[in-house]
Amino acid sequence: MPVPTIAPMPKVTRLPTESVRFSPPLEVPASCSIAAISFFLNSLSIILFIPVN
């Protein structure tokens, strides 16, 4: 019983450290991803509005 309780503890401690480490690189391409998503949504809107018109 004490072994499974000790096992998840290091996993919980490792996850926040990994999230903090990966958060700065994710913030840099966030603007690029937002631009890509906006361009993708604009292309979808054009494709969807052509049959409607």
PDB file of N, CA and C in Angstrom:
ATOM      1  N   MET A   1       0.823  -1.227   0.000  1.00  0.00           N
ATOM      2  CA  MET A   1       0.000   0.000   0.000  1.00  0.00           C
ATOM      3  C   MET A   1       0.854   1.273   0.000  1.00  0.00           C
ATOM      4  N   PRO A   2       1.914   1.378   0.796  1.00  0.00           N
ATOM      5  CA  PRO A   2       2.689   2.632   0.785  1.00  0.00           C
ATOM      6  C   PRO A   2       3.425   2.854  -0.537  1.00  0.00           C
ATOM      7  N   VAL A   3       3.680   1.785  -1.297  1.00  0.00           N
ATOM      8  CA  VAL A   3       4.417   1.955  -2.556  1.00  0.00           C
ATOM      9  C   VAL A   3       3.584   2.722  -3.592  1.00  0.00           C
ATOM     10  N   PRO A   4       2.289   2.373  -3.832  1.00  0.00           N
ATOM     11  CA  PRO A   4       1.500   3.137  -4.801  1.00  0.00           C
ATOM     12  C   PRO A   4       1.254   4.577  -4.345  1.00  0.00           C
ATOM     13  N   THR A   5       1.229   4.825  -3.035  1.00  0.00           N
ATOM     14  CA  THR A   5       1.012   6.191  -2.569  1.00  0.00           C
ATOM     15  C   THR A   5       2.270   7.036  -2.804  1.00  0.00           C
ATOM     16  N   ILE A   6       3.446   6.426  -2.704  1.00  0.00           N
ATOM     17  CA  ILE A   6       4.692   7.172  -2.934  1.00  0.00           C
ATOM     18  C   ILE A   6       4.924   7.365  -4.436  1.00  0.00           C
ATOM     19  N   ALA A   7       4.439   6.443  -5.263  1.00  0.00           N
ATOM     20  CA  ALA A   7       4.699   6.525  -6.707  1.00  0.00           C
ATOM     21  C   ALA A   7       4.048   7.755  -7.337  1.00  0.00           C
ATOM     22  N   PRO A   8       2.763   8.072  -7.096  1.00  0.00           N
ATOM     23  CA  PRO A   8       2.160   9.239  -7.754  1.00  0.00           C
ATOM     24  C   PRO A   8       2.737  10.570  -7.264  1.00  0.00           C
ATOM     25  N   MET A   9       3.320  10.598  -6.069  1.00  0.00           N
ATOM     26  CA  MET A   9       3.838  11.856  -5.538  1.00  0.00           C
ATOM     27  C   MET A   9       4.943  12.452  -6.410  1.00  0.00           C
ATOM     28  N   PRO A  10       5.987  11.699  -6.818  1.00  0.00           N
ATOM     29  CA  PRO A  10       7.000  12.288  -7.703  1.00  0.00           C
ATOM     30  C   PRO A  10       6.429  12.668  -9.061  1.00  0.00           C
ATOM     31  N   LYS A  11       5.413  11.943  -9.525  1.00  0.00           N
ATOM     32  CA  LYS A  11       4.785  12.312 -10.798  1.00  0.00           C
ATOM     33  C   LYS A  11       4.094  13.664 -10.673  1.00  0.00           C
ATOM     34  N   VAL A  12       3.419  13.898  -9.558  1.00  0.00           N
ATOM     35  CA  VAL A  12       2.732  15.173  -9.351  1.00  0.00           C
ATOM     36  C   VAL A  12       3.753  16.302  -9.247  1.00  0.00           C
ATOM     37  N   THR A  13       4.902  16.009  -8.620  1.00  0.00           N
ATOM     38  CA  THR A  13       5.919  17.056  -8.475  1.00  0.00           C
ATOM     39  C   THR A  13       6.618  17.308  -9.813  1.00  0.00           C
ATOM     40  N   ARG A  14       6.714  16.291 -10.666  1.00  0.00           N
ATOM     41  CA  ARG A  14       7.387  16.478 -11.947  1.00  0.00           C
ATOM     42  C   ARG A  14       6.489  17.217 -12.949  1.00  0.00           C
ATOM     43  N   LEU A  15       5.176  17.014 -12.882  1.00  0.00           N
ATOM     44  CA  LEU A  15       4.292  17.639 -13.859  1.00  0.00           C
ATOM     45  C   LEU A  15       4.311  19.165 -13.780  1.00  0.00           C
ATOM     46  N   PRO A  16       4.210  19.785 -12.586  1.00  0.00           N
ATOM     47  CA  PRO A  16       4.255  21.253 -12.550  1.00  0.00           C
ATOM     48  C   PRO A  16       5.594  21.797 -13.046  1.00  0.00           C
ATOM     49  N   THR A  17       6.696  21.109 -12.739  1.00  0.00           N
ATOM     50  CA  THR A  17       8.005  21.595 -13.193  1.00  0.00           C
ATOM     51  C   THR A  17       8.078  21.514 -14.717  1.00  0.00           C
ATOM     52  N   GLU A  18       7.550  20.446 -15.302  1.00  0.00           N
ATOM     53  CA  GLU A  18       7.560  20.330 -16.756  1.00  0.00           C
ATOM     54  C   GLU A  18       6.637  21.379 -17.384  1.00  0.00           C
ATOM     55  N   SER A  19       5.509  21.639 -16.756  1.00  0.00           N
ATOM     56  CA  SER A  19       4.593  22.643 -17.302  1.00  0.00           C
ATOM     57  C   SER A  19       5.232  24.030 -17.235  1.00  0.00           C
ATOM     58  N   VAL A  20       5.958  24.305 -16.154  1.00  0.00           N
ATOM     59  CA  VAL A  20       6.633  25.606 -16.037  1.00  0.00           C
ATOM     60  C   VAL A  20       7.764  25.696 -17.058  1.00  0.00           C
ATOM     61  N   ARG A  21       8.447  24.578 -17.310  1.00  0.00           N
ATOM     62  CA  ARG A  21       9.539  24.597 -18.285  1.00  0.00           C
ATOM     63  C   ARG A  21       9.002  24.757 -19.698  1.00  0.00           C
ATOM     64  N   PHE A  22       7.863  24.115 -20.004  1.00  0.00           N
ATOM     65  CA  PHE A  22       7.328  24.167 -21.370  1.00  0.00           C
ATOM     66  C   PHE A  22       6.453  25.400 -21.602  1.00  0.00           C
ATOM     67  N   SER A  23       6.085  26.116 -20.544  1.00  0.00           N
ATOM     68  CA  SER A  23       5.214  27.277 -20.736  1.00  0.00           C
ATOM     69  C   SER A  23       5.918  28.431 -21.456  1.00  0.00           C
ATOM     70  N   PRO A  24       7.189  28.766 -21.161  1.00  0.00           N
ATOM     71  CA  PRO A  24       7.819  29.868 -21.908  1.00  0.00           C
ATOM     72  C   PRO A  24       7.926  29.599 -23.409  1.00  0.00           C
ATOM     73  N   PRO A  25       8.339  28.390 -23.878  1.00  0.00           N
ATOM     74  CA  PRO A  25       8.387  28.166 -25.326  1.00  0.00           C
ATOM     75  C   PRO A  25       6.993  28.188 -25.962  1.00  0.00           C
ATOM     76  N   LEU A  26       5.965  27.802 -25.219  1.00  0.00           N
ATOM     77  CA  LEU A  26       4.614  27.810 -25.781  1.00  0.00           C
ATOM     78  C   LEU A  26       4.096  29.239 -25.928  1.00  0.00           C
ATOM     79  N   GLU A  27       4.594  30.148 -25.089  1.00  0.00           N
ATOM     80  CA  GLU A  27       4.122  31.535 -25.191  1.00  0.00           C
ATOM     81  C   GLU A  27       4.663  32.213 -26.447  1.00  0.00           C
ATOM     82  N   VAL A  28       5.824  31.793 -26.923  1.00  0.00           N
ATOM     83  CA  VAL A  28       6.407  32.435 -28.110  1.00  0.00           C
ATOM     84  C   VAL A  28       5.605  32.101 -29.369  1.00  0.00           C
ATOM     85  N   PRO A  29       5.319  30.816 -29.669  1.00  0.00           N
ATOM     86  CA  PRO A  29       4.534  30.510 -30.871  1.00  0.00           C
ATOM     87  C   PRO A  29       3.039  30.737 -30.687  1.00  0.00           C
ATOM     88  N   ALA A  30       2.625  31.256 -29.533  1.00  0.00           N
ATOM     89  CA  ALA A  30       1.192  31.491 -29.321  1.00  0.00           C
ATOM     90  C   ALA A  30       0.666  32.498 -30.329  1.00  0.00           C
ATOM     91  N   SER A  31       1.422  33.578 -30.581  1.00  0.00           N
ATOM     92  CA  SER A  31       0.979  34.576 -31.551  1.00  0.00           C
ATOM     93  C   SER A  31       0.926  33.976 -32.947  1.00  0.00           C
ATOM     94  N   CYS A  32       1.899  33.128 -33.263  1.00  0.00           N
ATOM     95  CA  CYS A  32       1.912  32.490 -34.588  1.00  0.00           C
ATOM     96  C   CYS A  32       0.735  31.532 -34.726  1.00  0.00           C
ATOM     97  N   SER A  33       0.429  30.810 -33.645  1.00  0.00           N
ATOM     98  CA  SER A  33      -0.695  29.873 -33.700  1.00  0.00           C
ATOM     99  C   SER A  33      -2.009  30.642 -33.805  1.00  0.00           C
ATOM    100  N   ILE A  34      -2.108  31.790 -33.119  1.00  0.00           N
ATOM    101  CA  ILE A  34      -3.330  32.598 -33.208  1.00  0.00           C
ATOM    102  C   ILE A  34      -3.506  33.127 -34.626  1.00  0.00           C
ATOM    103  N   ALA A  35      -2.401  33.545 -35.248  1.00  0.00           N
ATOM    104  CA  ALA A  35      -2.484  34.023 -36.627  1.00  0.00           C
ATOM    105  C   ALA A  35      -2.876  32.882 -37.561  1.00  0.00           C
ATOM    106  N   ALA A  36      -2.324  31.693 -37.316  1.00  0.00           N
ATOM    107  CA  ALA A  36      -2.661  30.543 -38.158  1.00  0.00           C
ATOM    108  C   ALA A  36      -4.125  30.157 -37.965  1.00  0.00           C
ATOM    109  N   ILE A  37      -4.607  30.205 -36.722  1.00  0.00           N
ATOM    110  CA  ILE A  37      -6.006  29.853 -36.463  1.00  0.00           C
ATOM    111  C   ILE A  37      -6.941  30.875 -37.098  1.00  0.00           C
ATOM    112  N   SER A  38      -6.576  32.155 -37.015  1.00  0.00           N
ATOM    113  CA  SER A  38      -7.421  33.185 -37.622  1.00  0.00           C
ATOM    114  C   SER A  38      -7.450  33.027 -39.140  1.00  0.00           C
ATOM    115  N   PHE A  39      -6.294  32.732 -39.732  1.00  0.00           N
ATOM    116  CA  PHE A  39      -6.255  32.514 -41.181  1.00  0.00           C
ATOM    117  C   PHE A  39      -7.069  31.281 -41.560  1.00  0.00           C
ATOM    118  N   PHE A  40      -6.977  30.223 -40.724  1.00  0.00           N
ATOM    119  CA  PHE A  40      -7.740  29.005 -40.993  1.00  0.00           C
ATOM    120  C   PHE A  40      -9.235  29.269 -40.872  1.00  0.00           C
ATOM    121  N   LEU A  41      -9.628  30.062 -39.867  1.00  0.00           N
ATOM    122  CA  LEU A  41     -11.048  30.380 -39.710  1.00  0.00           C
ATOM    123  C   LEU A  41     -11.534  31.259 -40.850  1.00  0.00           C
ATOM    124  N   ASN A  42     -10.691  32.175 -41.311  1.00  0.00           N
ATOM    125  CA  ASN A  42     -11.080  33.021 -42.436  1.00  0.00           C
ATOM    126  C   ASN A  42     -11.260  32.186 -43.702  1.00  0.00           C
ATOM    127  N   SER A  43     -10.371  31.229 -43.915  1.00  0.00           N
ATOM    128  CA  SER A  43     -10.506  30.368 -45.089  1.00  0.00           C
ATOM    129  C   SER A  43     -11.766  29.516 -44.977  1.00  0.00           C
ATOM    130  N   LEU A  44     -12.070  29.041 -43.762  1.00  0.00           N
ATOM    131  CA  LEU A  44     -13.292  28.251 -43.586  1.00  0.00           C
ATOM    132  C   LEU A  44     -14.526  29.116 -43.810  1.00  0.00           C
ATOM    133  N   SER A  45     -14.477  30.348 -43.323  1.00  0.00           N
ATOM    134  CA  SER A  45     -15.638  31.230 -43.509  1.00  0.00           C
ATOM    135  C   SER A  45     -15.850  31.516 -44.994  1.00  0.00           C
ATOM    136  N   ILE A  46     -14.760  31.711 -45.741  1.00  0.00           N
ATOM    137  CA  ILE A  46     -14.892  31.960 -47.187  1.00  0.00           C
ATOM    138  C   ILE A  46     -15.475  30.726 -47.873  1.00  0.00           C
ATOM    139  N   ILE A  47     -14.979  29.547 -47.477  1.00  0.00           N
ATOM    140  CA  ILE A  47     -15.466  28.317 -48.117  1.00  0.00           C
ATOM    141  C   ILE A  47     -16.937  28.091 -47.760  1.00  0.00           C
ATOM    142  N   LEU A  48     -17.328  28.443 -46.520  1.00  0.00           N
ATOM    143  CA  LEU A  48     -18.706  28.195 -46.096  1.00  0.00           C
ATOM    144  C   LEU A  48     -19.661  29.250 -46.661  1.00  0.00           C
ATOM    145  N   PHE A  49     -19.186  30.472 -46.868  1.00  0.00           N
ATOM    146  CA  PHE A  49     -20.080  31.540 -47.330  1.00  0.00           C
ATOM    147  C   PHE A  49     -20.276  31.520 -48.837  1.00  0.00           C
ATOM    148  N   ILE A  50     -19.373  30.886 -49.573  1.00  0.00           N
ATOM    149  CA  ILE A  50     -19.536  30.846 -51.036  1.00  0.00           C
ATOM    150  C   ILE A  50     -20.784  30.049 -51.420  1.00  0.00           C
ATOM    151  N   PRO A  51     -21.017  28.851 -50.849  1.00  0.00           N
ATOM    152  CA  PRO A  51     -22.255  28.135 -51.219  1.00  0.00           C
ATOM    153  C   PRO A  51     -23.508  28.855 -50.724  1.00  0.00           C
ATOM    154  N   VAL A  52     -23.409  29.556 -49.583  1.00  0.00           N
ATOM    155  CA  VAL A  52     -24.586  30.259 -49.053  1.00  0.00           C
ATOM    156  C   VAL A  52     -24.971  31.384 -50.000  1.00  0.00           C
ATOM    157  N   ASN A  53     -23.989  32.108 -50.498  1.00  0.00           N
ATOM    158  CA  ASN A  53     -24.298  33.211 -51.408  1.00  0.00           C
ATOM    159  C   ASN A  53     -24.752  32.639 -52.758  1.00  0.00           C
TER     160      ASN A  53
END
